[in-house]
Amino acid sequence: MIKVFKVFLIENGKLKNLFKGINGTRTIKFNTWLEAEKKMSVDGSGQDPYLTGIHVLKDKKKAIEYLNNFRTDKNRVIVKCKAKGLRQKPTNDNVYLADNLYVPRQNFEEVMENGNKNS
């Protein structure tokens, strides 16, 4: 188990995964281990397939930089989490794919209380 940082979306006060669901929903369940749907996928055209997972970053600074991938950081937050089964994403040296993710409710609440999207 390793400390990681994950970029999430806030919608109607709920923490959501950015793009795809985890365990059948984009709404994140706290204080429980979430399991990635692992399948072979590709990013873009002409790339080698890789085993998917839950996107995380090992470094908070890299997570903040990762926000620059989006047109706006509106409603996006970075939450410190725990992960298992990490492997580097072949198409981005800073991103790791986790087999399992644990999102502590307390860490989410601290981000919301601070009002700092980069906490």
N, C-alpha and C. Protein backbone atom coordinates (compact mmCIF):
# COMPACT_ATOMS: atom_id res chain seq x y z
N MET A 1 0.86 -1.17 0.00
CA MET A 1 0.00 0.00 0.00
C MET A 1 0.90 1.24 0.00
N ILE A 2 0.52 2.20 -0.83
CA ILE A 2 1.33 3.40 -0.98
C ILE A 2 0.44 4.64 -1.00
N LYS A 3 0.98 5.76 -0.51
CA LYS A 3 0.26 7.03 -0.53
C LYS A 3 0.29 7.55 -1.97
N VAL A 4 -0.87 7.99 -2.46
CA VAL A 4 -0.98 8.55 -3.80
C VAL A 4 -1.90 9.77 -3.76
N PHE A 5 -1.93 10.48 -4.86
CA PHE A 5 -2.82 11.63 -5.01
C PHE A 5 -3.67 11.39 -6.25
N LYS A 6 -4.95 11.72 -6.12
CA LYS A 6 -5.87 11.50 -7.23
C LYS A 6 -6.67 12.77 -7.49
N VAL A 7 -6.85 13.07 -8.76
CA VAL A 7 -7.68 14.20 -9.17
C VAL A 7 -9.11 13.70 -9.33
N PHE A 8 -10.02 14.37 -8.64
CA PHE A 8 -11.44 14.03 -8.70
C PHE A 8 -12.23 15.25 -9.14
N LEU A 9 -13.49 15.03 -9.40
CA LEU A 9 -14.44 16.08 -9.74
C LEU A 9 -15.46 16.19 -8.61
N ILE A 10 -15.86 17.42 -8.28
CA ILE A 10 -16.93 17.63 -7.31
C ILE A 10 -18.19 18.00 -8.09
N GLU A 11 -19.25 17.20 -7.92
CA GLU A 11 -20.54 17.48 -8.54
C GLU A 11 -21.61 17.41 -7.48
N ASN A 12 -22.33 18.50 -7.29
CA ASN A 12 -23.40 18.55 -6.29
C ASN A 12 -22.92 18.09 -4.91
N GLY A 13 -21.70 18.50 -4.56
CA GLY A 13 -21.14 18.17 -3.25
C GLY A 13 -20.63 16.75 -3.11
N LYS A 14 -20.68 15.97 -4.20
CA LYS A 14 -20.22 14.58 -4.16
C LYS A 14 -18.90 14.44 -4.91
N LEU A 15 -18.06 13.55 -4.39
CA LEU A 15 -16.78 13.27 -5.02
C LEU A 15 -17.00 12.25 -6.13
N LYS A 16 -16.51 12.59 -7.34
CA LYS A 16 -16.72 11.70 -8.49
C LYS A 16 -15.42 11.48 -9.22
N ASN A 17 -15.30 10.29 -9.81
CA ASN A 17 -14.19 10.00 -10.69
C ASN A 17 -14.33 10.87 -11.94
N LEU A 18 -13.23 11.26 -12.53
CA LEU A 18 -13.29 12.21 -13.65
C LEU A 18 -14.06 11.69 -14.85
N PHE A 19 -13.74 10.51 -15.31
CA PHE A 19 -14.30 10.08 -16.59
C PHE A 19 -15.12 8.80 -16.51
N LYS A 20 -14.53 7.75 -16.00
CA LYS A 20 -15.19 6.45 -16.00
C LYS A 20 -15.55 6.04 -14.58
N GLY A 21 -16.53 5.18 -14.49
CA GLY A 21 -16.95 4.69 -13.20
C GLY A 21 -15.97 3.68 -12.61
N ILE A 22 -16.03 3.55 -11.30
CA ILE A 22 -15.30 2.51 -10.57
C ILE A 22 -16.36 1.69 -9.86
N ASN A 23 -16.33 0.41 -10.07
CA ASN A 23 -17.35 -0.48 -9.50
C ASN A 23 -18.75 -0.05 -9.91
N GLY A 24 -18.90 0.40 -11.17
CA GLY A 24 -20.21 0.70 -11.72
C GLY A 24 -20.75 2.09 -11.45
N THR A 25 -19.98 2.97 -10.80
CA THR A 25 -20.45 4.33 -10.52
C THR A 25 -19.29 5.30 -10.53
N ARG A 26 -19.56 6.54 -10.94
CA ARG A 26 -18.53 7.58 -10.86
C ARG A 26 -18.47 8.18 -9.46
N THR A 27 -19.54 8.03 -8.66
CA THR A 27 -19.55 8.55 -7.29
C THR A 27 -18.64 7.67 -6.43
N ILE A 28 -17.73 8.32 -5.71
CA ILE A 28 -16.72 7.60 -4.94
C ILE A 28 -17.27 7.21 -3.57
N LYS A 29 -17.03 5.95 -3.22
CA LYS A 29 -17.36 5.45 -1.88
C LYS A 29 -16.12 5.62 -1.02
N PHE A 30 -16.34 6.18 0.17
CA PHE A 30 -15.23 6.46 1.08
C PHE A 30 -14.95 5.26 1.99
N ASN A 31 -13.71 5.24 2.49
CA ASN A 31 -13.28 4.30 3.53
C ASN A 31 -13.54 2.85 3.17
N THR A 32 -13.36 2.55 1.89
CA THR A 32 -13.47 1.17 1.41
C THR A 32 -12.54 1.01 0.22
N TRP A 33 -12.05 -0.18 0.03
CA TRP A 33 -11.17 -0.41 -1.11
C TRP A 33 -12.00 -0.53 -2.38
N LEU A 34 -11.68 0.31 -3.36
CA LEU A 34 -12.32 0.27 -4.67
C LEU A 34 -11.43 -0.54 -5.60
N GLU A 35 -12.04 -1.29 -6.49
CA GLU A 35 -11.27 -2.15 -7.38
C GLU A 35 -11.44 -1.71 -8.82
N ALA A 36 -10.32 -1.59 -9.51
CA ALA A 36 -10.34 -1.18 -10.92
C ALA A 36 -10.84 -2.31 -11.78
N GLU A 37 -11.53 -1.93 -12.84
CA GLU A 37 -11.86 -2.90 -13.89
C GLU A 37 -10.63 -2.97 -14.78
N LYS A 38 -9.98 -4.10 -14.76
CA LYS A 38 -8.74 -4.23 -15.51
C LYS A 38 -9.03 -4.87 -16.86
N LYS A 39 -8.67 -4.13 -17.92
CA LYS A 39 -8.82 -4.65 -19.27
C LYS A 39 -7.74 -4.01 -20.14
N MET A 40 -7.53 -4.57 -21.29
CA MET A 40 -6.54 -4.01 -22.20
C MET A 40 -7.16 -2.84 -22.95
N SER A 41 -6.38 -1.74 -23.08
CA SER A 41 -6.87 -0.54 -23.73
C SER A 41 -5.70 0.18 -24.40
N VAL A 42 -6.02 1.20 -25.21
CA VAL A 42 -5.01 2.04 -25.83
C VAL A 42 -5.41 3.50 -25.68
N ASP A 43 -4.43 4.38 -25.64
CA ASP A 43 -4.66 5.83 -25.68
C ASP A 43 -4.26 6.31 -27.06
N GLY A 44 -5.13 6.96 -27.77
CA GLY A 44 -4.79 7.50 -29.08
C GLY A 44 -4.65 6.40 -30.12
N SER A 45 -3.97 6.70 -31.17
CA SER A 45 -3.85 5.74 -32.26
C SER A 45 -2.43 5.19 -32.35
N GLY A 46 -2.33 3.95 -32.74
CA GLY A 46 -1.05 3.33 -33.01
C GLY A 46 -0.21 2.98 -31.79
N GLN A 47 -0.80 3.03 -30.61
CA GLN A 47 -0.03 2.71 -29.41
C GLN A 47 -0.28 1.26 -28.99
N ASP A 48 0.66 0.73 -28.25
CA ASP A 48 0.50 -0.63 -27.75
C ASP A 48 -0.56 -0.67 -26.66
N PRO A 49 -1.36 -1.73 -26.63
CA PRO A 49 -2.35 -1.88 -25.55
C PRO A 49 -1.66 -2.02 -24.20
N TYR A 50 -2.35 -1.57 -23.15
CA TYR A 50 -1.85 -1.71 -21.78
C TYR A 50 -3.01 -2.06 -20.88
N LEU A 51 -2.68 -2.60 -19.69
CA LEU A 51 -3.69 -2.99 -18.72
C LEU A 51 -4.16 -1.74 -17.97
N THR A 52 -5.45 -1.48 -18.01
CA THR A 52 -6.01 -0.28 -17.39
C THR A 52 -6.01 -0.39 -15.87
N GLY A 53 -6.31 0.73 -15.23
CA GLY A 53 -6.40 0.80 -13.78
C GLY A 53 -6.91 2.18 -13.38
N ILE A 54 -6.91 2.47 -12.11
CA ILE A 54 -7.36 3.75 -11.58
C ILE A 54 -6.18 4.73 -11.64
N HIS A 55 -6.36 5.85 -12.32
CA HIS A 55 -5.28 6.83 -12.51
C HIS A 55 -4.96 7.55 -11.21
N VAL A 56 -3.68 7.52 -10.83
CA VAL A 56 -3.20 8.20 -9.62
C VAL A 56 -1.82 8.77 -9.90
N LEU A 57 -1.37 9.64 -9.01
CA LEU A 57 -0.03 10.20 -9.09
C LEU A 57 0.65 10.01 -7.74
N LYS A 58 1.94 9.76 -7.76
CA LYS A 58 2.67 9.50 -6.51
C LYS A 58 3.09 10.78 -5.79
N ASP A 59 3.10 11.89 -6.49
CA ASP A 59 3.64 13.13 -5.97
C ASP A 59 2.58 14.22 -6.06
N LYS A 60 2.40 14.97 -4.97
CA LYS A 60 1.39 16.03 -4.95
C LYS A 60 1.69 17.10 -5.99
N LYS A 61 2.95 17.47 -6.13
CA LYS A 61 3.33 18.48 -7.12
C LYS A 61 2.97 18.01 -8.53
N LYS A 62 3.20 16.74 -8.82
CA LYS A 62 2.85 16.19 -10.14
C LYS A 62 1.34 16.19 -10.33
N ALA A 63 0.59 15.95 -9.26
CA ALA A 63 -0.87 15.98 -9.34
C ALA A 63 -1.36 17.39 -9.67
N ILE A 64 -0.74 18.39 -9.06
CA ILE A 64 -1.10 19.78 -9.35
C ILE A 64 -0.79 20.10 -10.81
N GLU A 65 0.38 19.66 -11.28
CA GLU A 65 0.74 19.87 -12.68
C GLU A 65 -0.22 19.14 -13.62
N TYR A 66 -0.68 17.98 -13.19
CA TYR A 66 -1.61 17.17 -14.00
C TYR A 66 -2.91 17.92 -14.26
N LEU A 67 -3.29 18.80 -13.33
CA LEU A 67 -4.50 19.61 -13.53
C LEU A 67 -4.41 20.44 -14.81
N ASN A 68 -3.19 20.74 -15.26
CA ASN A 68 -3.00 21.52 -16.48
C ASN A 68 -3.46 20.77 -17.73
N ASN A 69 -3.71 19.47 -17.61
CA ASN A 69 -4.20 18.68 -18.75
C ASN A 69 -5.64 19.03 -19.08
N PHE A 70 -6.31 19.72 -18.18
CA PHE A 70 -7.72 20.03 -18.36
C PHE A 70 -7.88 21.48 -18.75
N ARG A 71 -8.92 21.78 -19.49
CA ARG A 71 -9.16 23.16 -19.92
C ARG A 71 -9.36 24.08 -18.73
N THR A 72 -9.91 23.54 -17.67
CA THR A 72 -10.12 24.32 -16.45
C THR A 72 -10.03 23.37 -15.27
N ASP A 73 -9.60 23.89 -14.13
CA ASP A 73 -9.57 23.05 -12.93
C ASP A 73 -10.85 23.23 -12.11
N LYS A 74 -11.83 23.93 -12.68
CA LYS A 74 -13.09 24.18 -12.00
C LYS A 74 -13.70 22.87 -11.50
N ASN A 75 -14.02 22.86 -10.23
CA ASN A 75 -14.66 21.71 -9.59
C ASN A 75 -13.77 20.47 -9.52
N ARG A 76 -12.47 20.63 -9.72
CA ARG A 76 -11.56 19.50 -9.59
C ARG A 76 -10.74 19.68 -8.31
N VAL A 77 -10.54 18.58 -7.61
CA VAL A 77 -9.76 18.60 -6.38
C VAL A 77 -8.76 17.46 -6.39
N ILE A 78 -7.74 17.61 -5.58
CA ILE A 78 -6.73 16.56 -5.40
C ILE A 78 -6.90 16.02 -3.99
N VAL A 79 -7.08 14.71 -3.88
CA VAL A 79 -7.27 14.07 -2.58
C VAL A 79 -6.17 13.04 -2.37
N LYS A 80 -5.59 13.07 -1.18
CA LYS A 80 -4.59 12.06 -0.81
C LYS A 80 -5.31 10.75 -0.52
N CYS A 81 -4.84 9.67 -1.15
CA CYS A 81 -5.48 8.36 -1.03
C CYS A 81 -4.42 7.29 -0.77
N LYS A 82 -4.85 6.06 -0.71
CA LYS A 82 -3.96 4.91 -0.62
C LYS A 82 -4.24 4.01 -1.82
N ALA A 83 -3.19 3.35 -2.32
CA ALA A 83 -3.36 2.49 -3.49
C ALA A 83 -2.56 1.21 -3.35
N LYS A 84 -3.03 0.21 -4.08
CA LYS A 84 -2.32 -1.08 -4.18
C LYS A 84 -2.22 -1.44 -5.66
N GLY A 85 -1.20 -2.22 -5.97
CA GLY A 85 -1.05 -2.74 -7.33
C GLY A 85 -0.75 -1.66 -8.34
N LEU A 86 0.27 -0.83 -8.07
CA LEU A 86 0.61 0.26 -8.98
C LEU A 86 1.51 -0.20 -10.11
N ARG A 87 1.25 0.37 -11.28
CA ARG A 87 2.14 0.21 -12.43
C ARG A 87 2.10 1.51 -13.20
N GLN A 88 3.22 1.87 -13.82
CA GLN A 88 3.30 3.13 -14.53
C GLN A 88 2.47 3.06 -15.81
N LYS A 89 1.75 4.14 -16.10
CA LYS A 89 0.98 4.21 -17.34
C LYS A 89 1.95 4.43 -18.49
N PRO A 90 1.90 3.58 -19.52
CA PRO A 90 2.90 3.68 -20.59
C PRO A 90 2.84 4.97 -21.39
N THR A 91 1.73 5.69 -21.36
CA THR A 91 1.59 6.89 -22.16
C THR A 91 1.82 8.18 -21.37
N ASN A 92 2.13 8.07 -20.05
CA ASN A 92 2.39 9.25 -19.24
C ASN A 92 3.29 8.85 -18.07
N ASP A 93 4.51 9.33 -18.07
CA ASP A 93 5.48 8.94 -17.06
C ASP A 93 5.09 9.33 -15.63
N ASN A 94 4.21 10.30 -15.48
CA ASN A 94 3.83 10.77 -14.14
C ASN A 94 2.61 10.05 -13.58
N VAL A 95 1.87 9.37 -14.42
CA VAL A 95 0.62 8.73 -14.02
C VAL A 95 0.86 7.24 -13.78
N TYR A 96 0.23 6.76 -12.70
CA TYR A 96 0.28 5.34 -12.37
C TYR A 96 -1.13 4.79 -12.40
N LEU A 97 -1.23 3.51 -12.67
CA LEU A 97 -2.50 2.81 -12.70
C LEU A 97 -2.55 1.89 -11.49
N ALA A 98 -3.59 2.04 -10.69
CA ALA A 98 -3.74 1.25 -9.47
C ALA A 98 -4.80 0.19 -9.66
N ASP A 99 -4.55 -0.98 -9.08
CA ASP A 99 -5.57 -2.03 -9.06
C ASP A 99 -6.65 -1.70 -8.04
N ASN A 100 -6.24 -1.08 -6.93
CA ASN A 100 -7.17 -0.76 -5.84
C ASN A 100 -6.88 0.63 -5.30
N LEU A 101 -7.95 1.32 -4.87
CA LEU A 101 -7.83 2.67 -4.34
C LEU A 101 -8.69 2.80 -3.09
N TYR A 102 -8.13 3.45 -2.06
CA TYR A 102 -8.84 3.72 -0.81
C TYR A 102 -8.87 5.24 -0.63
N VAL A 103 -10.09 5.79 -0.53
CA VAL A 103 -10.26 7.24 -0.40
C VAL A 103 -10.78 7.53 1.00
N PRO A 104 -9.94 8.02 1.91
CA PRO A 104 -10.39 8.34 3.26
C PRO A 104 -11.35 9.55 3.24
N ARG A 105 -12.50 9.39 3.86
CA ARG A 105 -13.48 10.49 3.93
C ARG A 105 -12.84 11.72 4.58
N GLN A 106 -12.03 11.51 5.60
CA GLN A 106 -11.40 12.63 6.30
C GLN A 106 -10.55 13.47 5.36
N ASN A 107 -9.81 12.82 4.45
CA ASN A 107 -8.97 13.56 3.51
C ASN A 107 -9.82 14.42 2.57
N PHE A 108 -10.95 13.87 2.12
CA PHE A 108 -11.87 14.63 1.27
C PHE A 108 -12.44 15.82 2.04
N GLU A 109 -12.87 15.59 3.27
CA GLU A 109 -13.46 16.66 4.09
C GLU A 109 -12.45 17.77 4.34
N GLU A 110 -11.18 17.41 4.55
CA GLU A 110 -10.15 18.42 4.76
C GLU A 110 -9.98 19.29 3.52
N VAL A 111 -10.01 18.68 2.34
CA VAL A 111 -9.89 19.43 1.09
C VAL A 111 -11.08 20.39 0.96
N MET A 112 -12.27 19.91 1.28
CA MET A 112 -13.47 20.73 1.15
C MET A 112 -13.47 21.88 2.18
N GLU A 113 -13.00 21.60 3.38
CA GLU A 113 -12.96 22.63 4.43
C GLU A 113 -11.93 23.71 4.09
N ASN A 114 -10.79 23.29 3.56
CA ASN A 114 -9.73 24.24 3.24
C ASN A 114 -10.09 25.13 2.07
N GLY A 115 -10.98 24.65 1.21
CA GLY A 115 -11.34 25.41 0.04
C GLY A 115 -10.19 25.57 -0.93
N ASN A 116 -9.17 24.77 -0.76
CA ASN A 116 -7.98 24.84 -1.59
C ASN A 116 -7.98 23.64 -2.51
N LYS A 117 -8.17 23.85 -3.78
CA LYS A 117 -8.26 22.75 -4.73
C LYS A 117 -6.94 21.98 -4.85
N ASN A 118 -5.87 22.57 -4.40
CA ASN A 118 -4.58 21.89 -4.51
C ASN A 118 -4.11 21.34 -3.18
N SER A 119 -5.02 21.05 -2.27
CA SER A 119 -4.65 20.49 -0.96
C SER A 119 -4.59 18.99 -1.02
